[in-house]
Amino acid sequence: MEESKHVAVVDFGSQYTQLIVRRVRELGYFAKLYALEEFEEMGSPGAIVLSGGPKSTSEADAPDLDFAKLQAYGCPVLGVCYGMQLLNIKFGGTVKGSDRREYGPAALRPESCSGLYEGVSHESQVWMSHSDTVETLGKGAKVLASNQHGTPVSLKWEERFYGIQFHPEVTHSHEGLRILHNFLLTAEELQEFHIEDFKRAMVESIRETVGDKQVVCGVSGGVDSTVLAVLLHEAGVKMRAIFVDHGLLRKDEGEEVRSNFHRMGVEIETVECADRFLTALAGVEDPEKKREIIGGLFIDVFWDSVGNADLLAQGTLYPDVIESASNAKSKASKIKTHHNRVERILELQRQGKVLEPLAELFKDEVRELGLSLGIAKDIVGRHPFPGPGLAVRCPGAIEQKKLDIIRECDAIFIGKLKEHGWYDKVWQAYAALVPVKTVGVKGDERSYEWAISLRAVISEDAMTADWVELPYAILRETSHRILNDVAGINRVLYDVSTKPPASIEWE
């Protein structure tokens, strides 16, 4: 989309940066993320947000930007966490470091419930993640809000420069969206964001990029690759959609995928290669190595099926790029390498042979796009399933017996969620094998078998997640079925970890 009067988000490396983009779009405005090196090439933004980041402003290699250029853009600027500290320094203030990091909830107490805090409570919970704090205020700084200790956590300089120490983009900041919206209201004629406009722009871009080239599109049955395949079909490009049955799928997944694509009128080709994947993964325990092997084998299978195609199309989303820290210009730390960001794919990307139309979207936006393409709600509403499949739900070395156990437990759990009307209330749910054997009693005899962990989370974009307080009846019935019907399991656990610090998947 045209880079004019949009909201430009400058990335200083926070794991939450892309959430700022997501929140702005949620508020109805078009936002785009820029690496720091792209700061002077952002077009004509209507507003600028400087993100948080892992660095301290006192470090020798701390990220910086041209303040004169920032002023020259002539639009409202909001500094978040690191961004606020940097702005305070640019206005002549100082920031002090600390060995103690403030991470978690804090109280926000606005000086006045107007302007940036219009409609915000006199005391509200916000989410902190920083070690540096403002020591002396920059020239002309006005304190807009403080925390429960009286420390300034929100500042304003001149008429259009704002700073907040907390992260308004995360749901833990209870009124963060309102605060962000109030900031955007200080801008003029911001470009609006509508998924239909985005769809038309993507279709035109795909046609222009692809031309008469041959595209191979890897489909897994998941929401992302399904929407991508239908989008390419809509664009009318030459495409071969390949479904790889790699032996790491859920129970009856292959048949369900083929049935869904038949319903959508998109032809797919199935490649059965479970032996190939499981042989390559035999004895491999390191999760990053697993992802590398799986990502590389996907390329081999695609290329073996269609020859050396001109373009490889992937359903890569914003969180995949951020968590993998695969953008060479990114300041973010790597959390894990997604299978679609392994080195072989990045090399193809450098050669201009990778097509990723969804890479600026989040999961819920992709679902909205899918509905606009006419995809049935039950298909776009499927729970996310990782590209590496059950490999990341089987910690340690992968064995066929372990995979069979996970499939059966997962099918029982998902079945119970659907039976009780909870499937659509949960963002993602699954069973994972705990690589520990425990002592139990079965049929009056000692058993020494595996434990299985059930996980159900709610999330908006996979960057943060909370565990679901499922009714005890579901957990009890699921546990009873698993312990009675699945050989090799004598203990059922329920995962009550949030993200962060845990990830949604086990690996």
Protein backbone atom coordinates (compact mmCIF):
# COMPACT_ATOMS: atom_id res chain seq x y z
CA MET A 1 0.00 0.00 0.00
CA GLU A 2 1.06 3.61 -0.58
CA GLU A 3 3.48 4.94 2.05
CA SER A 4 1.78 8.26 2.68
CA LYS A 5 -0.04 9.46 5.78
CA HIS A 6 0.50 6.02 7.31
CA VAL A 7 1.78 5.22 10.79
CA ALA A 8 5.50 4.42 10.60
CA VAL A 9 6.78 2.20 13.41
CA VAL A 10 10.56 2.33 13.82
CA ASP A 11 12.00 -0.94 15.12
CA PHE A 12 14.53 -0.71 17.95
CA GLY A 13 14.36 -4.46 18.57
CA SER A 14 11.53 -5.06 21.04
CA GLN A 15 9.80 -8.43 20.74
CA TYR A 16 6.55 -6.45 20.98
CA THR A 17 7.30 -4.03 18.13
CA GLN A 18 5.08 -5.73 15.58
CA LEU A 19 2.24 -5.64 18.09
CA ILE A 20 2.28 -1.85 17.79
CA VAL A 21 1.64 -2.27 14.06
CA ARG A 22 -1.13 -4.74 14.84
CA ARG A 23 -2.80 -2.43 17.35
CA VAL A 24 -2.71 0.53 14.95
CA ARG A 25 -4.39 -1.58 12.26
CA GLU A 26 -6.92 -2.76 14.83
CA LEU A 27 -7.76 0.91 15.37
CA GLY A 28 -8.40 1.23 11.63
CA TYR A 29 -5.20 2.88 10.36
CA PHE A 30 -2.50 1.54 8.05
CA ALA A 31 0.83 0.96 9.80
CA LYS A 32 4.15 -0.35 8.56
CA LEU A 33 7.25 -1.52 10.40
CA TYR A 34 10.62 -0.06 9.42
CA ALA A 35 14.10 -1.22 10.35
CA LEU A 36 16.26 1.54 11.79
CA GLU A 37 18.30 1.59 8.58
CA GLU A 38 15.12 2.47 6.70
CA PHE A 39 14.32 5.43 8.95
CA GLU A 40 15.10 8.06 6.30
CA GLU A 41 13.09 6.24 3.63
CA MET A 42 9.65 6.09 5.24
CA GLY A 43 7.85 8.23 2.67
CA SER A 44 5.45 10.78 4.18
CA PRO A 45 4.17 9.28 7.43
CA GLY A 46 1.25 10.84 9.25
CA ALA A 47 2.58 9.65 12.62
CA ILE A 48 5.71 7.92 13.90
CA VAL A 49 6.14 5.46 16.76
CA LEU A 50 9.63 4.68 18.12
CA SER A 51 9.52 1.17 19.59
CA GLY A 52 11.10 -0.32 22.68
CA GLY A 53 14.24 -2.42 22.49
CA PRO A 54 16.61 -4.67 24.45
CA LYS A 55 19.52 -2.22 24.51
CA SER A 56 20.33 0.45 27.06
CA THR A 57 20.75 4.01 25.81
CA SER A 58 24.04 4.11 27.74
CA GLU A 59 25.61 1.27 25.73
CA ALA A 60 28.24 2.21 23.18
CA ASP A 61 26.35 0.48 20.35
CA ALA A 62 22.91 1.67 21.41
CA PRO A 63 20.59 2.26 18.41
CA ASP A 64 20.28 5.91 17.42
CA LEU A 65 18.60 8.02 14.77
CA ASP A 66 18.94 11.41 13.10
CA PHE A 67 16.88 13.73 15.31
CA ALA A 68 16.85 16.49 12.71
CA LYS A 69 15.30 14.09 10.21
CA LEU A 70 12.74 12.97 12.82
CA GLN A 71 11.75 16.61 13.35
CA ALA A 72 11.67 17.19 9.59
CA TYR A 73 8.95 14.57 9.10
CA GLY A 74 6.68 17.11 10.80
CA CYS A 75 4.21 14.65 12.31
CA PRO A 76 3.36 13.49 15.85
CA VAL A 77 5.94 11.15 17.41
CA LEU A 78 5.43 8.62 20.22
CA GLY A 79 8.44 7.05 21.94
CA VAL A 80 7.72 3.72 23.68
CA CYS A 81 10.11 2.53 26.44
CA TYR A 82 13.53 2.78 24.70
CA GLY A 83 11.92 5.26 22.32
CA MET A 84 10.92 7.53 25.22
CA GLN A 85 14.40 7.39 26.76
CA LEU A 86 15.97 8.25 23.41
CA LEU A 87 13.63 11.21 22.94
CA ASN A 88 14.47 12.51 26.41
CA ILE A 89 18.18 12.41 25.53
CA LYS A 90 17.54 14.17 22.20
CA PHE A 91 15.82 16.98 24.10
CA GLY A 92 18.86 17.36 26.38
CA GLY A 93 17.81 15.16 29.29
CA THR A 94 19.65 12.20 30.82
CA VAL A 95 18.83 8.56 31.42
CA LYS A 96 20.34 6.35 34.10
CA GLY A 97 20.92 2.63 33.92
CA SER A 98 20.17 0.08 36.60
CA ASP A 99 21.13 -3.50 37.36
CA ARG A 100 17.51 -4.12 38.32
CA ARG A 101 15.07 -4.68 35.48
CA GLU A 102 11.44 -3.68 35.93
CA TYR A 103 9.40 -6.35 34.21
CA GLY A 104 5.69 -6.78 34.76
CA PRO A 105 2.63 -4.81 35.88
CA ALA A 106 2.80 -1.29 37.29
CA ALA A 107 0.29 1.43 38.15
CA LEU A 108 -0.20 4.32 35.74
CA ARG A 109 -1.39 7.56 37.33
CA PRO A 110 -2.06 10.34 34.79
CA GLU A 111 -1.65 13.94 35.89
CA SER A 112 -4.82 14.71 33.96
CA CYS A 113 -7.32 12.45 32.20
CA SER A 114 -7.18 14.52 29.03
CA GLY A 115 -5.08 14.67 25.88
CA LEU A 116 -3.03 11.46 25.67
CA TYR A 117 -5.00 10.13 28.64
CA GLU A 118 -8.47 11.22 27.59
CA GLY A 119 -10.94 8.68 28.97
CA VAL A 120 -8.24 6.77 30.88
CA SER A 121 -8.80 5.84 34.53
CA HIS A 122 -7.12 7.81 37.32
CA GLU A 123 -5.13 4.64 38.02
CA SER A 124 -4.63 1.92 35.42
CA GLN A 125 -2.41 -1.16 35.04
CA VAL A 126 0.38 -0.96 32.46
CA TRP A 127 3.15 -3.38 31.48
CA MET A 128 6.80 -2.49 32.05
CA SER A 129 9.90 -4.07 30.51
CA HIS A 130 13.00 -1.92 31.04
CA SER A 131 16.09 -1.28 33.15
CA ASP A 132 16.89 2.37 32.26
CA THR A 133 14.88 5.26 33.70
CA VAL A 134 14.75 8.99 33.03
CA GLU A 135 17.14 10.85 35.39
CA THR A 136 16.74 14.49 34.37
CA LEU A 137 14.01 15.78 32.08
CA GLY A 138 14.83 17.12 28.64
CA LYS A 139 14.21 20.75 27.70
CA GLY A 140 10.55 21.69 27.89
CA ALA A 141 9.48 18.27 29.11
CA LYS A 142 6.12 17.99 30.81
CA VAL A 143 5.25 15.02 33.01
CA LEU A 144 1.95 13.50 31.84
CA ALA A 145 1.84 10.48 34.16
CA SER A 146 3.78 8.71 36.92
CA ASN A 147 3.83 5.22 38.42
CA GLN A 148 2.89 4.17 41.95
CA HIS A 149 6.30 5.34 43.22
CA GLY A 150 5.94 8.83 41.75
CA THR A 151 8.47 8.13 38.97
CA PRO A 152 7.62 9.85 35.66
CA VAL A 153 6.55 7.25 33.09
CA SER A 154 5.02 9.53 30.47
CA LEU A 155 6.42 12.77 29.07
CA LYS A 156 5.65 15.37 26.42
CA TRP A 157 8.06 17.69 24.64
CA GLU A 158 6.87 20.58 22.50
CA GLU A 159 3.49 20.03 20.85
CA ARG A 160 3.91 16.70 19.07
CA PHE A 161 6.55 14.60 20.85
CA TYR A 162 5.26 12.09 23.42
CA GLY A 163 6.98 9.41 25.48
CA ILE A 164 5.69 6.48 27.53
CA GLN A 165 7.85 4.12 29.59
CA PHE A 166 5.34 1.25 29.37
CA HIS A 167 4.11 -0.92 26.50
CA PRO A 168 0.58 0.09 25.41
CA GLU A 169 0.55 -2.58 22.70
CA VAL A 170 0.31 -5.60 25.05
CA THR A 171 -2.99 -6.68 26.58
CA HIS A 172 -1.45 -6.49 30.06
CA SER A 173 -1.65 -2.69 29.70
CA HIS A 174 -5.36 -2.56 30.35
CA GLU A 175 -6.05 0.80 28.68
CA GLY A 176 -3.08 0.77 26.32
CA LEU A 177 -5.24 0.68 23.20
CA ARG A 178 -7.11 3.80 24.29
CA ILE A 179 -3.82 5.61 24.97
CA LEU A 180 -2.48 4.62 21.55
CA HIS A 181 -5.72 5.75 19.94
CA ASN A 182 -5.50 9.11 21.71
CA PHE A 183 -2.02 9.58 20.27
CA LEU A 184 -3.22 8.76 16.75
CA LEU A 185 -5.97 11.36 17.12
CA THR A 186 -3.24 14.03 17.30
CA ALA A 187 -2.33 13.19 13.68
CA GLU A 188 -4.11 14.53 10.61
CA GLU A 189 -5.84 12.47 7.90
CA LEU A 190 -4.15 9.17 8.66
CA GLN A 191 -4.45 6.52 5.97
CA GLU A 192 -7.15 4.01 6.88
CA PHE A 193 -6.68 0.24 6.86
CA HIS A 194 -9.30 -2.14 5.46
CA ILE A 195 -8.60 -5.79 4.68
CA GLU A 196 -10.43 -5.51 1.32
CA ASP A 197 -8.04 -2.75 0.25
CA PHE A 198 -5.12 -4.85 1.43
CA LYS A 199 -6.41 -7.84 -0.54
CA ARG A 200 -6.71 -5.85 -3.76
CA ALA A 201 -3.20 -4.43 -3.26
CA MET A 202 -1.79 -7.92 -2.66
CA VAL A 203 -3.48 -9.42 -5.71
CA GLU A 204 -2.10 -6.62 -7.91
CA SER A 205 1.36 -6.98 -6.35
CA ILE A 206 1.35 -10.76 -6.87
CA ARG A 207 0.39 -10.43 -10.52
CA GLU A 208 3.10 -7.83 -11.07
CA THR A 209 5.77 -9.83 -9.21
CA VAL A 210 4.96 -13.26 -10.64
CA GLY A 211 4.07 -12.46 -14.23
CA ASP A 212 4.33 -15.71 -16.20
CA LYS A 213 6.69 -17.40 -13.72
CA GLN A 214 5.94 -20.81 -12.21
CA VAL A 215 5.10 -20.70 -8.50
CA VAL A 216 5.26 -23.65 -6.14
CA CYS A 217 3.11 -23.11 -3.06
CA GLY A 218 3.60 -25.32 -0.03
CA VAL A 219 0.29 -26.04 1.72
CA SER A 220 -0.13 -27.71 5.08
CA GLY A 221 -3.84 -27.27 5.64
CA GLY A 222 -3.10 -24.59 8.20
CA VAL A 223 -4.81 -21.20 7.96
CA ASP A 224 -1.78 -19.31 6.61
CA SER A 225 -0.86 -21.58 3.70
CA THR A 226 -4.54 -22.18 2.87
CA VAL A 227 -5.24 -18.46 2.58
CA LEU A 228 -2.04 -18.02 0.55
CA ALA A 229 -3.03 -20.74 -1.93
CA VAL A 230 -6.50 -19.25 -2.41
CA LEU A 231 -4.97 -15.76 -2.78
CA LEU A 232 -2.61 -17.02 -5.51
CA HIS A 233 -5.55 -18.80 -7.16
CA GLU A 234 -7.49 -15.52 -7.04
CA ALA A 235 -4.55 -13.71 -8.66
CA GLY A 236 -4.62 -16.23 -11.50
CA VAL A 237 -0.89 -17.01 -11.51
CA LYS A 238 0.67 -20.32 -12.60
CA MET A 239 0.72 -22.27 -9.35
CA ARG A 240 1.29 -25.82 -8.20
CA ALA A 241 0.14 -26.33 -4.63
CA ILE A 242 2.07 -29.11 -2.91
CA PHE A 243 0.85 -30.79 0.29
CA VAL A 244 3.70 -32.61 2.02
CA ASP A 245 2.62 -35.51 4.23
CA HIS A 246 5.81 -35.68 6.26
CA GLY A 247 4.67 -38.09 8.93
CA LEU A 248 4.39 -35.34 11.54
CA LEU A 249 0.72 -34.53 11.04
CA ARG A 250 -2.16 -34.90 13.48
CA LYS A 251 -4.57 -37.83 13.32
CA ASP A 252 -6.45 -37.97 9.98
CA GLU A 253 -4.94 -34.59 9.01
CA GLY A 254 -4.11 -35.56 5.43
CA GLU A 255 -7.64 -36.51 4.50
CA GLU A 256 -9.06 -33.38 6.14
CA VAL A 257 -6.67 -31.14 4.20
CA ARG A 258 -7.51 -32.76 0.86
CA SER A 259 -11.23 -32.49 1.61
CA ASN A 260 -10.97 -28.79 2.52
CA PHE A 261 -9.08 -27.84 -0.65
CA HIS A 262 -11.58 -29.78 -2.73
CA ARG A 263 -14.35 -27.70 -1.12
CA MET A 264 -12.49 -24.50 -2.06
CA GLY A 265 -11.92 -25.58 -5.64
CA VAL A 266 -8.13 -25.40 -5.41
CA GLU A 267 -6.20 -28.35 -6.79
CA ILE A 268 -3.37 -29.69 -4.63
CA GLU A 269 -0.81 -32.44 -5.11
CA THR A 270 0.04 -34.72 -2.18
CA VAL A 271 3.59 -36.00 -1.69
CA GLU A 272 3.90 -38.91 0.76
CA CYS A 273 7.35 -38.75 2.33
CA ALA A 274 7.06 -39.68 5.99
CA ASP A 275 10.00 -42.10 5.81
CA ARG A 276 12.22 -39.41 4.32
CA PHE A 277 11.52 -36.94 7.14
CA LEU A 278 11.61 -39.42 10.01
CA THR A 279 14.87 -40.93 8.77
CA ALA A 280 16.49 -37.48 8.60
CA LEU A 281 15.22 -36.63 12.10
CA ALA A 282 16.26 -39.92 13.72
CA GLY A 283 18.25 -39.31 16.89
CA VAL A 284 18.10 -35.50 16.59
CA GLU A 285 17.21 -33.85 19.91
CA ASP A 286 18.10 -30.18 19.48
CA PRO A 287 14.93 -28.22 18.56
CA GLU A 288 16.76 -25.73 16.32
CA LYS A 289 18.37 -28.61 14.42
CA LYS A 290 14.97 -30.24 13.96
CA ARG A 291 13.59 -27.04 12.46
CA GLU A 292 16.57 -26.71 10.11
CA ILE A 293 16.21 -30.29 8.88
CA ILE A 294 12.46 -29.98 8.34
CA GLY A 295 12.73 -26.60 6.61
CA GLY A 296 15.46 -27.90 4.30
CA LEU A 297 13.56 -31.09 3.45
CA PHE A 298 10.48 -29.08 2.52
CA ILE A 299 12.56 -27.32 -0.15
CA ASP A 300 13.94 -30.64 -1.41
CA VAL A 301 10.45 -32.12 -1.68
CA PHE A 302 9.05 -29.07 -3.48
CA TRP A 303 11.91 -28.94 -5.94
CA ASP A 304 11.84 -32.73 -6.52
CA SER A 305 8.13 -32.48 -7.27
CA VAL A 306 8.10 -29.57 -9.73
CA GLY A 307 11.70 -29.08 -10.74
CA ASN A 308 13.59 -25.87 -10.06
CA ALA A 309 10.55 -23.57 -9.89
CA ASP A 310 10.88 -19.82 -10.40
CA LEU A 311 9.29 -18.87 -7.08
CA LEU A 312 8.53 -20.56 -3.77
CA ALA A 313 5.41 -19.14 -2.10
CA GLN A 314 5.16 -19.36 1.70
CA GLY A 315 2.50 -18.39 4.23
CA THR A 316 5.03 -16.54 6.39
CA LEU A 317 3.49 -14.13 8.90
CA TYR A 318 4.84 -11.20 10.89
CA PRO A 319 5.50 -13.25 14.08
CA ASP A 320 7.53 -15.83 12.07
CA VAL A 321 9.85 -13.10 10.84
CA ILE A 322 10.18 -11.41 14.23
CA GLU A 323 10.74 -14.51 16.38
CA SER A 324 13.27 -15.87 13.89
CA ALA A 325 15.05 -12.48 13.76
CA SER A 326 15.64 -13.36 10.10
CA ASN A 327 15.57 -9.81 8.78
CA ALA A 328 19.23 -8.81 8.49
CA LYS A 329 18.27 -5.29 9.59
CA SER A 330 16.30 -6.46 12.63
CA LYS A 331 17.48 -5.44 16.11
CA ALA A 332 15.37 -8.15 17.75
CA SER A 333 16.79 -11.20 19.50
CA LYS A 334 16.07 -14.62 18.00
CA ILE A 335 13.53 -16.66 19.96
CA LYS A 336 13.38 -19.67 17.64
CA THR A 337 13.90 -20.36 13.96
CA HIS A 338 10.62 -20.98 12.20
CA HIS A 339 10.81 -23.73 9.59
CA ASN A 340 10.09 -21.18 6.85
CA ARG A 341 13.05 -19.00 7.91
CA VAL A 342 15.87 -21.55 7.82
CA GLU A 343 19.09 -20.61 6.03
CA ARG A 344 18.26 -22.40 2.76
CA ILE A 345 15.05 -20.42 2.44
CA LEU A 346 16.80 -17.18 3.34
CA GLU A 347 19.32 -17.91 0.58
CA LEU A 348 16.47 -18.36 -1.91
CA GLN A 349 15.05 -15.12 -0.58
CA ARG A 350 18.33 -13.34 -1.31
CA GLN A 351 18.06 -14.71 -4.85
CA GLY A 352 14.59 -13.22 -5.19
CA LYS A 353 12.92 -16.63 -5.41
CA VAL A 354 10.63 -16.43 -2.35
CA LEU A 355 7.13 -14.98 -2.44
CA GLU A 356 5.61 -14.08 0.96
CA PRO A 357 2.50 -11.93 0.45
CA LEU A 358 1.29 -12.41 4.05
CA ALA A 359 4.53 -11.44 5.78
CA GLU A 360 3.11 -8.15 7.06
CA LEU A 361 -0.03 -9.72 8.53
CA PHE A 362 -0.95 -11.31 11.84
CA LYS A 363 -2.95 -14.50 12.29
CA ASP A 364 -6.29 -12.81 12.94
CA GLU A 365 -5.76 -10.53 9.94
CA VAL A 366 -5.05 -13.59 7.78
CA ARG A 367 -8.32 -15.12 8.98
CA GLU A 368 -10.13 -11.91 8.04
CA LEU A 369 -8.45 -11.99 4.64
CA GLY A 370 -9.50 -15.62 4.20
CA LEU A 371 -13.13 -14.77 4.88
CA SER A 372 -12.94 -11.93 2.33
CA LEU A 373 -11.67 -14.52 -0.20
CA GLY A 374 -14.75 -16.65 0.43
CA ILE A 375 -13.07 -19.37 2.50
CA ALA A 376 -15.49 -21.12 4.86
CA LYS A 377 -15.41 -20.03 8.49
CA ASP A 378 -14.67 -23.54 9.80
CA ILE A 379 -11.54 -23.67 7.64
CA VAL A 380 -10.11 -20.25 8.55
CA GLY A 381 -11.12 -20.89 12.16
CA ARG A 382 -8.92 -23.97 12.56
CA HIS A 383 -6.42 -23.80 15.40
CA PRO A 384 -2.86 -22.91 14.33
CA PHE A 385 -0.64 -25.90 13.59
CA PRO A 386 3.15 -25.44 13.39
CA GLY A 387 4.95 -26.10 10.11
CA PRO A 388 7.28 -28.66 11.74
CA GLY A 389 4.15 -30.44 12.96
CA LEU A 390 4.37 -32.82 15.88
CA ALA A 391 8.17 -32.54 15.86
CA VAL A 392 7.88 -29.49 18.13
CA ARG A 393 5.42 -31.30 20.41
CA CYS A 394 7.78 -34.22 20.90
CA PRO A 395 10.79 -32.88 22.85
CA GLY A 396 13.94 -34.93 22.39
CA ALA A 397 14.48 -37.59 19.76
CA ILE A 398 11.47 -38.33 17.53
CA GLU A 399 10.18 -41.89 17.37
CA GLN A 400 7.15 -43.28 15.55
CA LYS A 401 5.73 -44.70 18.79
CA LYS A 402 5.89 -41.28 20.46
CA LEU A 403 4.18 -39.63 17.48
CA ASP A 404 1.37 -42.17 17.57
CA ILE A 405 0.83 -41.47 21.28
CA ILE A 406 0.70 -37.70 20.69
CA ARG A 407 -1.79 -38.13 17.83
CA GLU A 408 -4.18 -40.19 19.92
CA CYS A 409 -3.98 -37.88 22.94
CA ASP A 410 -4.37 -34.79 20.78
CA ALA A 411 -7.42 -36.22 18.99
CA ILE A 412 -9.08 -37.02 22.33
CA PHE A 413 -8.38 -33.53 23.70
CA ILE A 414 -9.60 -31.67 20.61
CA GLY A 415 -12.63 -33.94 20.43
CA LYS A 416 -13.58 -33.08 24.02
CA LEU A 417 -13.18 -29.36 23.35
CA LYS A 418 -15.55 -29.63 20.38
CA GLU A 419 -17.98 -31.82 22.32
CA HIS A 420 -18.24 -29.23 25.09
CA GLY A 421 -18.38 -26.21 22.73
CA TRP A 422 -14.96 -24.91 23.69
CA TYR A 423 -12.99 -25.37 20.46
CA ASP A 424 -13.88 -21.93 19.07
CA LYS A 425 -13.29 -20.28 22.45
CA VAL A 426 -9.67 -21.42 22.45
CA TRP A 427 -7.03 -19.92 20.17
CA GLN A 428 -4.87 -23.05 20.11
CA ALA A 429 -4.92 -26.39 21.92
CA TYR A 430 -2.87 -29.56 21.66
CA ALA A 431 -1.18 -32.44 23.45
CA ALA A 432 2.61 -32.69 23.81
CA LEU A 433 4.68 -35.59 25.07
CA VAL A 434 6.72 -34.90 28.19
CA PRO A 435 10.05 -36.71 27.66
CA VAL A 436 9.97 -38.17 31.17
CA LYS A 437 8.69 -41.55 32.34
CA THR A 438 6.81 -41.72 35.60
CA VAL A 439 5.72 -44.52 37.91
CA GLY A 440 2.04 -45.40 37.97
CA VAL A 441 -0.35 -48.24 38.70
CA LYS A 442 -2.38 -50.00 36.02
CA GLY A 443 -4.39 -53.12 36.68
CA ASP A 444 -2.87 -53.47 40.15
CA GLU A 445 0.57 -53.57 38.58
CA ARG A 446 3.40 -51.05 38.45
CA SER A 447 3.64 -49.04 35.25
CA TYR A 448 6.54 -46.91 34.04
CA GLU A 449 5.26 -44.81 31.18
CA TRP A 450 5.28 -41.36 29.60
CA ALA A 451 3.46 -38.24 30.77
CA ILE A 452 1.39 -36.14 28.36
CA SER A 453 0.87 -32.41 28.70
CA LEU A 454 -2.31 -30.69 27.52
CA ARG A 455 -2.12 -27.03 26.51
CA ALA A 456 -4.85 -24.54 25.60
CA VAL A 457 -4.17 -20.84 25.15
CA ILE A 458 -5.87 -17.64 24.16
CA SER A 459 -3.99 -15.13 22.05
CA GLU A 460 -4.53 -12.46 19.42
CA ASP A 461 -1.34 -12.74 17.43
CA ALA A 462 0.88 -15.48 18.91
CA MET A 463 3.30 -12.95 20.39
CA THR A 464 1.71 -13.15 23.83
CA ALA A 465 -0.62 -15.83 25.17
CA ASP A 466 -2.40 -16.85 28.34
CA TRP A 467 -3.52 -20.31 29.38
CA VAL A 468 -7.23 -21.08 29.31
CA GLU A 469 -9.11 -21.89 32.49
CA LEU A 470 -10.95 -24.85 31.02
CA PRO A 471 -13.86 -26.36 32.94
CA TYR A 472 -12.74 -29.21 35.16
CA ALA A 473 -15.22 -31.50 33.42
CA ILE A 474 -13.29 -31.21 30.13
CA LEU A 475 -9.96 -31.86 31.81
CA ARG A 476 -11.36 -34.76 33.84
CA GLU A 477 -13.01 -36.45 30.84
CA THR A 478 -9.95 -35.93 28.64
CA SER A 479 -7.61 -37.32 31.28
CA HIS A 480 -9.87 -40.32 31.86
CA ARG A 481 -10.04 -41.15 28.14
CA ILE A 482 -6.29 -40.78 27.61
CA LEU A 483 -5.33 -42.89 30.62
CA ASN A 484 -7.75 -45.63 29.62
CA ASP A 485 -7.38 -45.61 25.83
CA VAL A 486 -3.80 -44.58 25.03
CA ALA A 487 -1.13 -47.18 25.71
CA GLY A 488 2.15 -45.77 27.03
CA ILE A 489 0.67 -42.90 29.10
CA ASN A 490 0.08 -43.03 32.85
CA ARG A 491 0.03 -39.33 33.72
CA VAL A 492 -1.81 -36.30 32.27
CA LEU A 493 -0.69 -32.73 33.02
CA TYR A 494 -2.22 -29.34 32.15
CA ASP A 495 0.18 -26.56 31.12
CA VAL A 496 -0.57 -23.28 32.94
CA SER A 497 2.34 -21.25 31.51
CA THR A 498 1.88 -17.86 29.89
CA LYS A 499 3.85 -16.46 26.95
CA PRO A 500 6.17 -14.93 27.95
CA PRO A 501 8.08 -16.54 29.56
CA ALA A 502 7.05 -19.83 27.92
CA SER A 503 6.42 -20.16 24.19
CA ILE A 504 3.12 -21.54 22.92
CA GLU A 505 4.74 -24.67 21.50
CA TRP A 506 7.13 -26.80 23.53
CA GLU A 507 9.96 -26.37 21.04
